[in-house]
Structure formats: structure tokens, C-alpha cells
Protein backbone atom coordinates (compact mmCIF):
# COMPACT_ATOMS: atom_id res chain seq x y z
CA UNK A 1 99.23 -12.31 -104.75
CA UNK A 2 99.51 -16.05 -105.32
CA UNK A 3 102.39 -17.51 -107.23
CA UNK A 4 101.52 -19.54 -110.33
CA UNK A 5 102.79 -23.05 -109.72
CA UNK A 6 103.45 -25.67 -112.34
CA UNK A 7 103.79 -29.42 -111.99
CA UNK A 8 107.55 -29.21 -112.57
CA UNK A 9 107.93 -26.67 -109.71
CA UNK A 10 106.62 -29.02 -107.02
CA UNK A 11 108.44 -31.82 -105.22
CA UNK A 12 107.31 -34.48 -102.74
CA UNK A 13 107.67 -32.99 -99.28
CA UNK A 14 106.86 -29.41 -100.31
CA UNK A 15 104.83 -27.55 -97.69
CA UNK A 16 101.47 -25.98 -98.46
CA UNK A 17 100.54 -23.04 -96.27
CA UNK A 18 100.12 -22.56 -93.45
CA UNK A 19 97.00 -20.42 -93.46
CA UNK A 20 95.59 -19.07 -90.21
CA UNK A 21 91.86 -18.41 -89.87
CA UNK A 22 89.22 -17.82 -87.27
CA UNK A 23 85.73 -19.01 -88.19
CA UNK A 24 83.33 -16.52 -86.64
CA UNK A 25 79.69 -16.92 -85.68
CA UNK A 26 78.85 -14.67 -88.64
CA UNK A 27 80.86 -16.87 -91.04
CA UNK A 28 78.89 -19.94 -89.98
CA UNK A 29 75.54 -18.16 -90.22
CA UNK A 30 76.44 -16.93 -93.71
CA UNK A 31 77.42 -20.47 -94.74
CA UNK A 32 74.27 -22.05 -93.27
CA UNK A 33 72.07 -19.38 -94.90
CA UNK A 34 73.12 -20.58 -98.34
CA UNK A 35 71.03 -23.71 -97.80
CA UNK A 36 68.46 -22.53 -95.28
CA UNK A 37 66.23 -19.51 -95.87
CA UNK A 38 65.38 -19.23 -92.19
CA UNK A 39 68.19 -19.88 -89.74
CA UNK A 40 66.92 -21.81 -86.73
CA UNK A 41 68.99 -22.27 -83.61
CA UNK A 42 71.11 -25.41 -83.83
CA UNK A 43 74.45 -26.70 -82.58
CA UNK A 44 75.93 -24.85 -85.57
CA UNK A 45 74.38 -21.43 -84.92
CA UNK A 46 73.69 -21.28 -81.19
CA UNK A 47 76.02 -21.72 -78.23
CA UNK A 48 73.00 -22.46 -76.02
CA UNK A 49 71.79 -25.34 -78.23
CA UNK A 50 75.36 -26.66 -78.44
CA UNK A 51 75.63 -26.48 -74.63
CA UNK A 52 72.37 -28.44 -74.31
CA UNK A 53 73.92 -31.11 -76.57
CA UNK A 54 77.02 -31.31 -74.36
CA UNK A 55 79.35 -29.08 -76.40
CA UNK A 56 81.08 -26.03 -74.92
CA UNK A 57 80.61 -23.90 -78.06
CA UNK A 58 78.65 -23.83 -81.29
CA UNK A 59 80.48 -25.89 -83.91
CA UNK A 60 81.40 -25.41 -87.53
CA UNK A 61 79.27 -27.63 -89.85
CA UNK A 62 81.02 -30.55 -91.54
CA UNK A 63 80.52 -29.27 -95.10
CA UNK A 64 82.03 -25.92 -94.09
CA UNK A 65 85.05 -27.73 -92.62
CA UNK A 66 85.48 -29.56 -95.93
CA UNK A 67 85.33 -26.24 -97.79
CA UNK A 68 87.94 -24.76 -95.46
CA UNK A 69 90.20 -27.80 -95.90
CA UNK A 70 89.83 -27.49 -99.68
CA UNK A 71 90.83 -23.86 -99.49
CA UNK A 72 94.35 -24.65 -98.22
CA UNK A 73 94.90 -26.42 -101.55
CA UNK A 74 93.10 -24.01 -103.87
CA UNK A 75 94.70 -20.95 -102.25
CA UNK A 76 98.19 -22.38 -102.83
CA UNK A 77 98.18 -21.20 -106.46
CA UNK A 78 95.79 -19.85 -109.07
CA UNK A 79 96.83 -22.80 -111.24
CA UNK A 80 95.59 -25.49 -108.82
CA UNK A 81 92.64 -27.63 -109.87
CA UNK A 82 91.17 -29.55 -106.93
CA UNK A 83 90.16 -33.03 -108.11
CA UNK A 84 89.29 -34.75 -104.82
CA UNK A 85 89.38 -34.26 -101.08
CA UNK A 86 88.69 -36.77 -98.31
CA UNK A 87 88.61 -35.67 -94.69
CA UNK A 88 88.39 -37.31 -91.28
CA UNK A 89 86.75 -35.36 -88.48
CA UNK A 90 88.79 -36.07 -85.36
CA UNK A 91 87.10 -33.49 -83.13
CA UNK A 92 84.44 -30.84 -83.40
CA UNK A 93 85.56 -27.41 -84.60
CA UNK A 94 84.26 -24.59 -82.39
CA UNK A 95 83.53 -21.06 -83.58
CA UNK A 96 85.77 -18.09 -82.80
CA UNK A 97 89.02 -19.99 -82.23
CA UNK A 98 92.29 -19.59 -84.08
CA UNK A 99 92.85 -22.38 -86.59
CA UNK A 100 95.87 -23.27 -88.66
CA UNK A 101 95.53 -25.06 -92.00
CA UNK A 102 98.55 -26.69 -93.59
CA UNK A 103 99.49 -29.37 -96.05
CA UNK A 104 102.34 -31.30 -97.57
CA UNK A 105 102.83 -32.91 -100.97
CA UNK A 106 103.00 -36.68 -100.44
CA UNK A 107 102.99 -38.08 -103.99
CA UNK A 108 103.57 -36.89 -107.52
CA UNK A 109 102.16 -38.90 -110.44
CA UNK A 110 104.73 -38.70 -113.18
CA UNK A 111 103.24 -41.31 -115.49
CA UNK A 112 102.95 -39.82 -118.94
CA UNK A 113 100.88 -36.68 -119.20
CA UNK A 114 99.42 -36.77 -115.67
CA UNK A 115 99.93 -33.70 -113.52
CA UNK A 116 98.31 -35.04 -110.34
CA UNK A 117 99.67 -34.45 -106.87
CA UNK A 118 98.51 -36.05 -103.63
CA UNK A 119 98.65 -33.96 -100.50
CA UNK A 120 97.97 -34.42 -96.81
CA UNK A 121 96.07 -31.55 -95.20
CA UNK A 122 95.37 -30.75 -91.58
CA UNK A 123 93.36 -28.28 -89.49
CA UNK A 124 94.75 -27.63 -86.02
CA UNK A 125 93.64 -25.49 -83.13
CA UNK A 126 96.00 -23.08 -81.32
CA UNK A 127 97.19 -25.91 -79.05
CA UNK A 128 98.30 -27.96 -82.06
CA UNK A 129 95.45 -30.47 -81.71
CA UNK A 130 94.46 -31.91 -85.08
CA UNK A 131 90.73 -31.31 -85.49
CA UNK A 132 90.34 -32.39 -89.12
CA UNK A 133 92.82 -34.31 -91.27
CA UNK A 134 92.58 -35.32 -94.89
CA UNK A 135 94.07 -36.03 -98.26
CA UNK A 136 93.58 -34.13 -101.45
CA UNK A 137 94.33 -34.75 -105.08
CA UNK A 138 95.13 -31.71 -107.19
CA UNK A 139 96.33 -31.08 -110.71
CA UNK A 140 98.77 -28.43 -111.86
CA UNK A 141 99.51 -27.51 -115.46
CA UNK A 142 102.82 -28.34 -117.13
CA UNK A 143 105.14 -25.48 -118.02
CA UNK A 144 105.35 -26.65 -121.61
């Protein structure tokens, strides 16, 4: 069960996560099927097509990576409201590999009634290689 966080509970430097996940072939097919009625082989759904394009494995689609990066912030607390996320894809993200998602609070807007926090977020593989990095802006409610 997630802890309800409030703006006053959080300090710059607080860690978010980590969360460990493995994105399976089935996860990617389910994600792709939301947009496509008929799944055709592509670098996202087929290892063979990915191999033909010079990749060792099928890769996770960019929008799915963004959703996963968002989840490290939204899973932190039921009280989180995600306002913005920007990511940089440093490497492709293959299917069926252990991934670690983590974040850190980097700024806290304490001007007046704002409850915005800025956070750095990262997705790493099991070797600690940063595959996707980003920044997010979230809001938390005040206690009062």
C-alpha cells in the first residue's frame, strides 16, 4: 500500500523508488494493441525484424518507455499528480531484461500556494547503464 505524501513531507534530495520491472514480449504486444487492431511484426513486436534492423532484441516503444518513466512518479504516492515529464532516450530498451526505475527530488517550489516538485528520473538496465533519463514535475497536496 502506498503512503500518502504531502508537499510538507518531501525535501530536496528525497529518493523516489526504486522500482524493478521486466517488460515482457506480452507487455509490449498489449501496449501496441491499444493503438493497432492488427499487430504486424515490427522492431517492437518481433526479434527477427529487430535483428534485421541491426538490434539484438525487440525493443520497447518510446511511448511505452515514457509511460514506464511516468509510473515511477505516480506510484510514489496516491496523492501525486503528474504535471509534466520530459525524457531523453540514451539507448534502446530491449524486452525481457531487468530494469530499475528510480528518481530523486531536485527542486521544491515554495512560492505561495504552489505545491510543485521537480524530479530527475532514470531507467537503468541490470548493469547500471542508463537507458532513459528524464525530468518530471509533480504536484502534491498541502496537509492543511
